[in-house]
Amino acid sequence: MKKNYLTIVALIFLILLSCEKKQAINTNAFQNRWESMYGNLTIYSNNTFEYNRYTCISHSISKGKWKITNDTLVLNSFEPKGCYFIENFLFGPPYKDSSTNHKKTIKDCMPNTGYINFKNEKFYIKDSLLLFKTPFNNKELNNFYNFKRAPYKKQTVNNTKL
């Protein structure tokens, strides 16, 4: 009887030992490269992000930290270092954005790039979209601030990983 018991335990042990381990799944679904019609947002695993916005006449950037609160991604920009135009993530009405009255990081500098200031900007994931929790009730305007998941590949230069 004791011999049968040891045989069964040994067989179970061998079966469990031969099981293939599954790869660890990245539980943070927000970590990715996200694209919109006007820019891209990259969420890194070290709780930082980079954002680039492109228009036909300008380019703006942002870097900052992110955190997860419940099911919501919250983005906050670092203070910019250098000469930039200051912009908000949300575009304001045209009458507020006079082309002669742009705020700058340094008073008398001549910037050629904008810095987008994320202030507790909130997003959530639905399907493969990163949706902005916007205060607007306009569906077309809401979609302006949403992102879709992009294929995320490590960039290389001359076969050397960056």
N, C-alpha and C. Protein backbone atom coordinates (compact mmCIF):
# COMPACT_ATOMS: atom_id res chain seq x y z
N MET A 1 0.82 -1.19 0.00
CA MET A 1 0.00 0.00 0.00
C MET A 1 0.87 1.26 0.00
N LYS A 2 1.91 1.20 0.84
CA LYS A 2 2.81 2.34 0.94
C LYS A 2 3.54 2.56 -0.39
N LYS A 3 3.84 1.45 -1.08
CA LYS A 3 4.54 1.53 -2.35
C LYS A 3 3.65 2.18 -3.41
N ASN A 4 2.37 1.84 -3.44
CA ASN A 4 1.42 2.44 -4.38
C ASN A 4 1.27 3.94 -4.12
N TYR A 5 1.22 4.32 -2.86
CA TYR A 5 1.09 5.72 -2.47
C TYR A 5 2.30 6.52 -2.96
N LEU A 6 3.50 6.00 -2.77
CA LEU A 6 4.72 6.68 -3.23
C LEU A 6 4.75 6.77 -4.76
N THR A 7 4.28 5.73 -5.44
CA THR A 7 4.24 5.74 -6.90
C THR A 7 3.30 6.83 -7.41
N ILE A 8 2.14 6.95 -6.79
CA ILE A 8 1.16 7.98 -7.19
C ILE A 8 1.73 9.38 -6.95
N VAL A 9 2.36 9.60 -5.81
CA VAL A 9 2.96 10.90 -5.50
C VAL A 9 4.07 11.22 -6.50
N ALA A 10 4.88 10.23 -6.84
CA ALA A 10 5.97 10.44 -7.80
C ALA A 10 5.42 10.78 -9.18
N LEU A 11 4.36 10.11 -9.61
CA LEU A 11 3.74 10.40 -10.90
C LEU A 11 3.16 11.82 -10.94
N ILE A 12 2.46 12.20 -9.90
CA ILE A 12 1.90 13.56 -9.84
C ILE A 12 3.02 14.59 -9.87
N PHE A 13 4.09 14.33 -9.14
CA PHE A 13 5.23 15.24 -9.12
C PHE A 13 5.84 15.38 -10.51
N LEU A 14 6.01 14.26 -11.23
CA LEU A 14 6.58 14.30 -12.58
C LEU A 14 5.65 15.03 -13.56
N ILE A 15 4.36 14.82 -13.42
CA ILE A 15 3.40 15.51 -14.30
C ILE A 15 3.47 17.01 -14.08
N LEU A 16 3.47 17.42 -12.83
CA LEU A 16 3.54 18.85 -12.52
C LEU A 16 4.87 19.46 -12.95
N LEU A 17 5.93 18.69 -12.83
CA LEU A 17 7.25 19.17 -13.21
C LEU A 17 7.35 19.37 -14.72
N SER A 18 6.63 18.57 -15.48
CA SER A 18 6.72 18.65 -16.94
C SER A 18 5.79 19.72 -17.52
N CYS A 19 4.94 20.31 -16.72
CA CYS A 19 4.04 21.35 -17.22
C CYS A 19 4.85 22.56 -17.68
N GLU A 20 4.44 23.11 -18.81
CA GLU A 20 5.14 24.28 -19.35
C GLU A 20 4.64 25.53 -18.65
N LYS A 21 5.59 26.35 -18.23
CA LYS A 21 5.22 27.60 -17.58
C LYS A 21 4.83 28.60 -18.64
N LYS A 22 3.75 29.32 -18.39
CA LYS A 22 3.31 30.36 -19.31
C LYS A 22 4.11 31.62 -19.04
N GLN A 23 4.32 32.40 -20.09
CA GLN A 23 5.02 33.66 -19.93
C GLN A 23 4.19 34.60 -19.07
N ALA A 24 4.89 35.42 -18.30
CA ALA A 24 4.19 36.40 -17.49
C ALA A 24 3.51 37.41 -18.40
N ILE A 25 2.27 37.72 -18.09
CA ILE A 25 1.50 38.66 -18.89
C ILE A 25 1.66 40.05 -18.29
N ASN A 26 1.87 41.02 -19.14
CA ASN A 26 1.95 42.40 -18.67
C ASN A 26 0.56 42.82 -18.21
N THR A 27 0.42 42.98 -16.91
CA THR A 27 -0.90 43.30 -16.36
C THR A 27 -1.26 44.76 -16.56
N ASN A 28 -0.32 45.59 -16.93
CA ASN A 28 -0.65 47.00 -17.13
C ASN A 28 -0.98 47.24 -18.59
N ALA A 29 -2.25 47.26 -18.89
CA ALA A 29 -2.69 47.42 -20.28
C ALA A 29 -2.41 48.81 -20.83
N PHE A 30 -2.13 49.77 -19.97
CA PHE A 30 -1.87 51.13 -20.44
C PHE A 30 -0.48 51.27 -21.06
N GLN A 31 0.47 50.42 -20.66
CA GLN A 31 1.84 50.55 -21.15
C GLN A 31 1.89 50.14 -22.62
N ASN A 32 2.05 51.15 -23.45
CA ASN A 32 2.03 50.90 -24.88
C ASN A 32 2.34 52.20 -25.61
N ARG A 33 2.34 52.13 -26.91
CA ARG A 33 2.41 53.33 -27.74
C ARG A 33 1.02 53.53 -28.31
N TRP A 34 0.48 54.72 -28.12
CA TRP A 34 -0.87 55.06 -28.53
C TRP A 34 -0.81 56.16 -29.58
N GLU A 35 -1.65 56.05 -30.62
CA GLU A 35 -1.64 57.03 -31.70
C GLU A 35 -3.01 57.67 -31.85
N SER A 36 -2.99 58.95 -32.20
CA SER A 36 -4.21 59.65 -32.56
C SER A 36 -3.98 60.34 -33.89
N MET A 37 -4.97 61.05 -34.36
CA MET A 37 -4.84 61.74 -35.63
C MET A 37 -3.79 62.84 -35.57
N TYR A 38 -3.54 63.38 -34.37
CA TYR A 38 -2.65 64.53 -34.24
C TYR A 38 -1.37 64.26 -33.47
N GLY A 39 -1.18 63.07 -32.95
CA GLY A 39 0.03 62.82 -32.20
C GLY A 39 0.12 61.40 -31.68
N ASN A 40 1.12 61.18 -30.84
CA ASN A 40 1.26 59.86 -30.23
C ASN A 40 1.68 60.01 -28.77
N LEU A 41 1.29 59.02 -28.00
CA LEU A 41 1.54 58.97 -26.56
C LEU A 41 2.19 57.64 -26.26
N THR A 42 3.34 57.67 -25.60
CA THR A 42 4.02 56.44 -25.21
C THR A 42 4.04 56.36 -23.70
N ILE A 43 3.48 55.27 -23.17
CA ILE A 43 3.42 55.02 -21.73
C ILE A 43 4.49 53.99 -21.41
N TYR A 44 5.45 54.36 -20.57
CA TYR A 44 6.56 53.49 -20.22
C TYR A 44 6.31 52.78 -18.89
N SER A 45 7.00 51.66 -18.67
CA SER A 45 6.82 50.86 -17.46
C SER A 45 7.38 51.53 -16.21
N ASN A 46 8.22 52.55 -16.35
CA ASN A 46 8.80 53.23 -15.18
C ASN A 46 7.94 54.41 -14.72
N ASN A 47 6.66 54.38 -15.08
CA ASN A 47 5.67 55.39 -14.69
C ASN A 47 5.94 56.76 -15.31
N THR A 48 6.55 56.80 -16.48
CA THR A 48 6.73 58.04 -17.21
C THR A 48 6.03 57.92 -18.57
N PHE A 49 5.83 59.07 -19.21
CA PHE A 49 5.23 59.07 -20.54
C PHE A 49 5.88 60.16 -21.38
N GLU A 50 5.73 60.03 -22.69
CA GLU A 50 6.13 61.05 -23.66
C GLU A 50 4.98 61.24 -24.62
N TYR A 51 4.73 62.49 -24.96
CA TYR A 51 3.66 62.82 -25.89
C TYR A 51 4.20 63.76 -26.96
N ASN A 52 3.84 63.52 -28.20
CA ASN A 52 4.20 64.38 -29.33
C ASN A 52 2.93 64.72 -30.09
N ARG A 53 2.73 66.01 -30.32
CA ARG A 53 1.57 66.47 -31.11
C ARG A 53 2.11 67.16 -32.35
N TYR A 54 1.55 66.78 -33.49
CA TYR A 54 1.97 67.36 -34.77
C TYR A 54 0.78 68.03 -35.43
N THR A 55 0.98 69.23 -35.92
CA THR A 55 0.01 69.88 -36.78
C THR A 55 0.75 70.30 -38.04
N CYS A 56 0.04 70.90 -38.97
CA CYS A 56 0.69 71.27 -40.23
C CYS A 56 1.72 72.37 -40.05
N ILE A 57 1.64 73.15 -38.97
CA ILE A 57 2.58 74.26 -38.81
C ILE A 57 3.36 74.22 -37.50
N SER A 58 3.11 73.22 -36.65
CA SER A 58 3.82 73.22 -35.37
C SER A 58 4.04 71.81 -34.84
N HIS A 59 4.89 71.74 -33.83
CA HIS A 59 5.20 70.49 -33.14
C HIS A 59 5.25 70.80 -31.65
N SER A 60 4.63 69.94 -30.86
CA SER A 60 4.63 70.12 -29.41
C SER A 60 4.97 68.80 -28.74
N ILE A 61 5.59 68.90 -27.57
CA ILE A 61 5.99 67.71 -26.82
C ILE A 61 5.52 67.81 -25.38
N SER A 62 5.61 66.70 -24.68
CA SER A 62 5.39 66.70 -23.24
C SER A 62 6.05 65.45 -22.67
N LYS A 63 6.52 65.57 -21.45
CA LYS A 63 7.05 64.43 -20.70
C LYS A 63 6.52 64.55 -19.29
N GLY A 64 6.26 63.41 -18.67
CA GLY A 64 5.73 63.48 -17.32
C GLY A 64 5.61 62.12 -16.67
N LYS A 65 4.84 62.08 -15.60
CA LYS A 65 4.60 60.86 -14.83
C LYS A 65 3.14 60.46 -14.98
N TRP A 66 2.90 59.17 -14.83
CA TRP A 66 1.53 58.67 -14.86
C TRP A 66 1.29 57.82 -13.63
N LYS A 67 0.01 57.68 -13.29
CA LYS A 67 -0.40 56.77 -12.22
C LYS A 67 -1.75 56.19 -12.60
N ILE A 68 -2.07 55.08 -11.97
CA ILE A 68 -3.36 54.43 -12.18
C ILE A 68 -4.19 54.63 -10.92
N THR A 69 -5.39 55.14 -11.09
CA THR A 69 -6.35 55.27 -10.00
C THR A 69 -7.59 54.50 -10.43
N ASN A 70 -7.87 53.39 -9.73
CA ASN A 70 -8.94 52.46 -10.11
C ASN A 70 -8.68 51.99 -11.54
N ASP A 71 -9.55 52.29 -12.48
CA ASP A 71 -9.35 51.87 -13.88
C ASP A 71 -8.93 53.04 -14.76
N THR A 72 -8.45 54.11 -14.15
CA THR A 72 -8.17 55.35 -14.87
C THR A 72 -6.68 55.67 -14.88
N LEU A 73 -6.18 56.04 -16.04
CA LEU A 73 -4.81 56.51 -16.21
C LEU A 73 -4.82 58.03 -16.03
N VAL A 74 -3.95 58.54 -15.14
CA VAL A 74 -3.87 59.98 -14.87
C VAL A 74 -2.48 60.46 -15.27
N LEU A 75 -2.43 61.48 -16.15
CA LEU A 75 -1.16 62.03 -16.65
C LEU A 75 -0.92 63.42 -16.09
N ASN A 76 0.33 63.65 -15.64
CA ASN A 76 0.78 64.96 -15.19
C ASN A 76 2.16 65.23 -15.77
N SER A 77 2.32 66.39 -16.40
CA SER A 77 3.59 66.75 -17.03
C SER A 77 4.61 67.23 -16.02
N PHE A 78 5.89 67.01 -16.36
CA PHE A 78 6.99 67.62 -15.62
C PHE A 78 7.02 69.11 -15.98
N GLU A 79 7.69 69.88 -15.15
CA GLU A 79 7.94 71.28 -15.49
C GLU A 79 8.92 71.31 -16.66
N PRO A 80 8.61 72.07 -17.71
CA PRO A 80 9.51 72.10 -18.87
C PRO A 80 10.81 72.82 -18.57
N LYS A 81 11.88 72.30 -19.16
CA LYS A 81 13.19 72.95 -19.06
C LYS A 81 13.58 73.36 -20.47
N GLY A 82 13.81 74.63 -20.66
CA GLY A 82 14.14 75.14 -21.98
C GLY A 82 13.11 76.15 -22.43
N CYS A 83 13.22 76.55 -23.67
CA CYS A 83 12.37 77.59 -24.25
C CYS A 83 11.24 76.94 -25.05
N TYR A 84 10.00 77.06 -24.56
CA TYR A 84 8.83 76.47 -25.21
C TYR A 84 7.65 77.42 -25.13
N PHE A 85 6.71 77.25 -26.07
CA PHE A 85 5.38 77.81 -25.90
C PHE A 85 4.63 76.86 -24.97
N ILE A 86 3.86 77.39 -24.03
CA ILE A 86 3.08 76.55 -23.12
C ILE A 86 1.69 76.32 -23.72
N GLU A 87 1.28 75.06 -23.79
CA GLU A 87 -0.04 74.70 -24.31
C GLU A 87 -0.71 73.76 -23.33
N ASN A 88 -2.02 73.72 -23.36
CA ASN A 88 -2.77 72.73 -22.60
C ASN A 88 -3.09 71.56 -23.51
N PHE A 89 -3.34 70.40 -22.92
CA PHE A 89 -3.71 69.24 -23.72
C PHE A 89 -5.03 69.51 -24.44
N LEU A 90 -5.98 70.12 -23.74
CA LEU A 90 -7.25 70.49 -24.36
C LEU A 90 -7.09 71.81 -25.08
N PHE A 91 -7.53 71.84 -26.32
CA PHE A 91 -7.50 73.11 -27.05
C PHE A 91 -8.60 74.01 -26.51
N GLY A 92 -8.27 75.29 -26.34
CA GLY A 92 -9.27 76.25 -25.90
C GLY A 92 -10.00 76.84 -27.08
N PRO A 93 -11.10 77.55 -26.82
CA PRO A 93 -11.82 78.23 -27.91
C PRO A 93 -10.90 79.23 -28.60
N PRO A 94 -11.10 79.51 -29.89
CA PRO A 94 -10.21 80.39 -30.64
C PRO A 94 -10.04 81.77 -30.03
N TYR A 95 -11.08 82.32 -29.43
CA TYR A 95 -10.95 83.66 -28.88
C TYR A 95 -10.01 83.71 -27.68
N LYS A 96 -9.75 82.57 -27.07
CA LYS A 96 -8.81 82.54 -25.94
C LYS A 96 -7.37 82.35 -26.42
N ASP A 97 -7.19 81.82 -27.59
CA ASP A 97 -5.85 81.50 -28.09
C ASP A 97 -5.42 82.48 -29.17
N SER A 98 -5.16 83.69 -28.80
CA SER A 98 -4.70 84.70 -29.75
C SER A 98 -3.27 84.36 -30.17
N SER A 99 -3.00 84.43 -31.47
CA SER A 99 -1.67 84.06 -31.96
C SER A 99 -0.58 85.02 -31.48
N THR A 100 -0.95 86.17 -30.95
CA THR A 100 0.05 87.12 -30.46
C THR A 100 0.23 87.04 -28.94
N ASN A 101 -0.50 86.15 -28.29
CA ASN A 101 -0.48 86.12 -26.83
C ASN A 101 -0.19 84.72 -26.29
N HIS A 102 0.87 84.07 -26.77
CA HIS A 102 1.22 82.75 -26.28
C HIS A 102 2.12 82.86 -25.05
N LYS A 103 1.83 82.02 -24.05
CA LYS A 103 2.71 81.98 -22.87
C LYS A 103 3.97 81.22 -23.24
N LYS A 104 5.08 81.63 -22.63
CA LYS A 104 6.37 80.98 -22.88
C LYS A 104 6.96 80.54 -21.55
N THR A 105 7.84 79.55 -21.61
CA THR A 105 8.51 79.08 -20.39
C THR A 105 9.51 80.11 -19.90
N ILE A 106 10.14 80.82 -20.81
CA ILE A 106 11.11 81.87 -20.47
C ILE A 106 10.62 83.14 -21.17
N LYS A 107 10.53 84.22 -20.43
CA LYS A 107 9.85 85.44 -20.90
C LYS A 107 10.27 85.91 -22.29
N ASP A 108 11.52 86.17 -22.53
CA ASP A 108 11.94 86.76 -23.80
C ASP A 108 12.59 85.76 -24.76
N CYS A 109 12.33 84.48 -24.60
CA CYS A 109 12.94 83.50 -25.50
C CYS A 109 12.13 83.40 -26.79
N MET A 110 12.70 82.79 -27.80
CA MET A 110 12.05 82.61 -29.10
C MET A 110 11.87 81.11 -29.36
N PRO A 111 10.81 80.51 -28.82
CA PRO A 111 10.63 79.06 -28.97
C PRO A 111 10.20 78.68 -30.38
N ASN A 112 10.54 77.45 -30.76
CA ASN A 112 10.04 76.91 -32.02
C ASN A 112 9.25 75.62 -31.79
N THR A 113 9.06 75.26 -30.52
CA THR A 113 8.33 74.05 -30.15
C THR A 113 7.41 74.38 -28.98
N GLY A 114 6.29 73.70 -28.94
CA GLY A 114 5.37 73.86 -27.82
C GLY A 114 5.59 72.79 -26.77
N TYR A 115 5.20 73.09 -25.53
CA TYR A 115 5.23 72.10 -24.45
C TYR A 115 3.80 71.96 -23.93
N ILE A 116 3.26 70.77 -24.02
CA ILE A 116 1.88 70.52 -23.62
C ILE A 116 1.85 70.17 -22.15
N ASN A 117 1.03 70.89 -21.43
CA ASN A 117 0.93 70.71 -19.99
C ASN A 117 -0.26 69.80 -19.67
N PHE A 118 0.02 68.58 -19.24
CA PHE A 118 -1.02 67.67 -18.79
C PHE A 118 -1.24 67.93 -17.30
N LYS A 119 -2.47 68.25 -16.92
CA LYS A 119 -2.82 68.50 -15.52
C LYS A 119 -3.93 67.54 -15.12
N ASN A 120 -3.56 66.44 -14.51
CA ASN A 120 -4.53 65.42 -14.09
C ASN A 120 -5.47 65.02 -15.23
N GLU A 121 -4.92 64.84 -16.42
CA GLU A 121 -5.72 64.41 -17.57
C GLU A 121 -5.99 62.92 -17.42
N LYS A 122 -7.26 62.52 -17.56
CA LYS A 122 -7.68 61.15 -17.25
C LYS A 122 -8.13 60.41 -18.51
N PHE A 123 -7.71 59.14 -18.57
CA PHE A 123 -8.03 58.27 -19.69
C PHE A 123 -8.45 56.91 -19.16
N TYR A 124 -9.20 56.17 -19.97
CA TYR A 124 -9.53 54.78 -19.65
C TYR A 124 -9.50 53.97 -20.93
N ILE A 125 -9.40 52.65 -20.78
CA ILE A 125 -9.33 51.77 -21.95
C ILE A 125 -10.69 51.14 -22.19
N LYS A 126 -11.10 51.18 -23.45
CA LYS A 126 -12.30 50.47 -23.89
C LYS A 126 -11.94 49.80 -25.21
N ASP A 127 -12.02 48.49 -25.23
CA ASP A 127 -11.56 47.70 -26.37
C ASP A 127 -10.08 48.00 -26.59
N SER A 128 -9.69 48.45 -27.75
CA SER A 128 -8.27 48.78 -27.98
C SER A 128 -8.06 50.29 -28.08
N LEU A 129 -8.95 51.05 -27.47
CA LEU A 129 -8.86 52.51 -27.50
C LEU A 129 -8.52 53.06 -26.12
N LEU A 130 -7.76 54.12 -26.11
CA LEU A 130 -7.48 54.89 -24.90
C LEU A 130 -8.35 56.13 -24.99
N LEU A 131 -9.39 56.18 -24.16
CA LEU A 131 -10.40 57.23 -24.26
C LEU A 131 -10.17 58.30 -23.21
N PHE A 132 -10.25 59.54 -23.63
CA PHE A 132 -10.08 60.69 -22.75
C PHE A 132 -11.38 60.93 -21.99
N LYS A 133 -11.28 61.10 -20.69
CA LYS A 133 -12.46 61.45 -19.88
C LYS A 133 -12.63 62.96 -19.98
N THR A 134 -13.37 63.36 -20.98
CA THR A 134 -13.47 64.77 -21.34
C THR A 134 -14.68 65.45 -20.71
N PRO A 135 -14.57 66.74 -20.47
CA PRO A 135 -15.71 67.48 -19.93
C PRO A 135 -16.71 67.88 -21.02
N PHE A 136 -16.40 67.60 -22.29
CA PHE A 136 -17.26 68.03 -23.39
C PHE A 136 -18.39 67.04 -23.62
N ASN A 137 -19.49 67.52 -24.14
CA ASN A 137 -20.62 66.66 -24.50
C ASN A 137 -20.76 66.54 -26.01
N ASN A 138 -19.70 66.84 -26.72
CA ASN A 138 -19.70 66.80 -28.18
C ASN A 138 -18.93 65.55 -28.62
N LYS A 139 -19.63 64.60 -29.24
CA LYS A 139 -19.00 63.33 -29.61
C LYS A 139 -17.82 63.52 -30.56
N GLU A 140 -17.95 64.39 -31.55
CA GLU A 140 -16.86 64.62 -32.50
C GLU A 140 -15.64 65.20 -31.81
N LEU A 141 -15.85 66.14 -30.89
CA LEU A 141 -14.74 66.75 -30.18
C LEU A 141 -14.11 65.75 -29.21
N ASN A 142 -14.93 64.90 -28.59
CA ASN A 142 -14.40 63.88 -27.68
C ASN A 142 -13.43 62.96 -28.41
N ASN A 143 -13.76 62.55 -29.63
CA ASN A 143 -12.91 61.64 -30.38
C ASN A 143 -11.56 62.25 -30.74
N PHE A 144 -11.47 63.56 -30.75
CA PHE A 144 -10.23 64.25 -31.07
C PHE A 144 -9.12 63.89 -30.08
N TYR A 145 -9.48 63.61 -28.84
CA TYR A 145 -8.51 63.36 -27.78
C TYR A 145 -8.30 61.87 -27.47
N ASN A 146 -8.88 60.99 -28.26
CA ASN A 146 -8.75 59.55 -28.04
C ASN A 146 -7.58 58.99 -28.83
N PHE A 147 -7.08 57.84 -28.37
CA PHE A 147 -5.94 57.18 -29.00
C PHE A 147 -6.28 55.73 -29.30
N LYS A 148 -5.62 55.19 -30.32
CA LYS A 148 -5.73 53.75 -30.59
C LYS A 148 -4.37 53.12 -30.33
N ARG A 149 -4.40 51.86 -29.95
CA ARG A 149 -3.18 51.12 -29.65
C ARG A 149 -2.36 50.95 -30.93
N ALA A 150 -1.07 51.20 -30.83
CA ALA A 150 -0.18 51.07 -31.97
C ALA A 150 0.76 49.89 -31.73
N PRO A 151 1.24 49.26 -32.79
CA PRO A 151 2.24 48.21 -32.60
C PRO A 151 3.46 48.80 -31.91
N TYR A 152 3.90 48.18 -30.85
CA TYR A 152 5.01 48.71 -30.06
C TYR A 152 6.25 47.89 -30.35
N LYS A 153 7.23 48.51 -30.99
CA LYS A 153 8.48 47.83 -31.31
C LYS A 153 9.62 48.67 -30.78
N LYS A 154 10.65 48.00 -30.27
CA LYS A 154 11.84 48.73 -29.84
C LYS A 154 12.54 49.25 -31.08
N GLN A 155 12.85 50.54 -31.05
CA GLN A 155 13.53 51.13 -32.19
C GLN A 155 14.99 50.74 -32.17
N THR A 156 15.53 50.54 -33.37
CA THR A 156 16.94 50.19 -33.47
C THR A 156 17.62 51.13 -34.45
N VAL A 157 18.89 51.34 -34.24
CA VAL A 157 19.72 52.10 -35.16
C VAL A 157 20.91 51.21 -35.49
N ASN A 158 21.05 50.86 -36.76
CA ASN A 158 22.13 49.95 -37.20
C ASN A 158 22.15 48.67 -36.38
N ASN A 159 20.98 48.07 -36.19
CA ASN A 159 20.82 46.82 -35.44
C ASN A 159 21.24 46.93 -33.98
N THR A 160 21.29 48.12 -33.43
CA THR A 160 21.60 48.32 -32.02
C THR A 160 20.37 48.87 -31.33
N LYS A 161 19.92 48.22 -30.27
CA LYS A 161 18.74 48.69 -29.56
C LYS A 161 19.05 49.99 -28.85
N LEU A 162 18.08 50.90 -28.90
CA LEU A 162 18.23 52.18 -28.21
C LEU A 162 17.83 52.05 -26.77
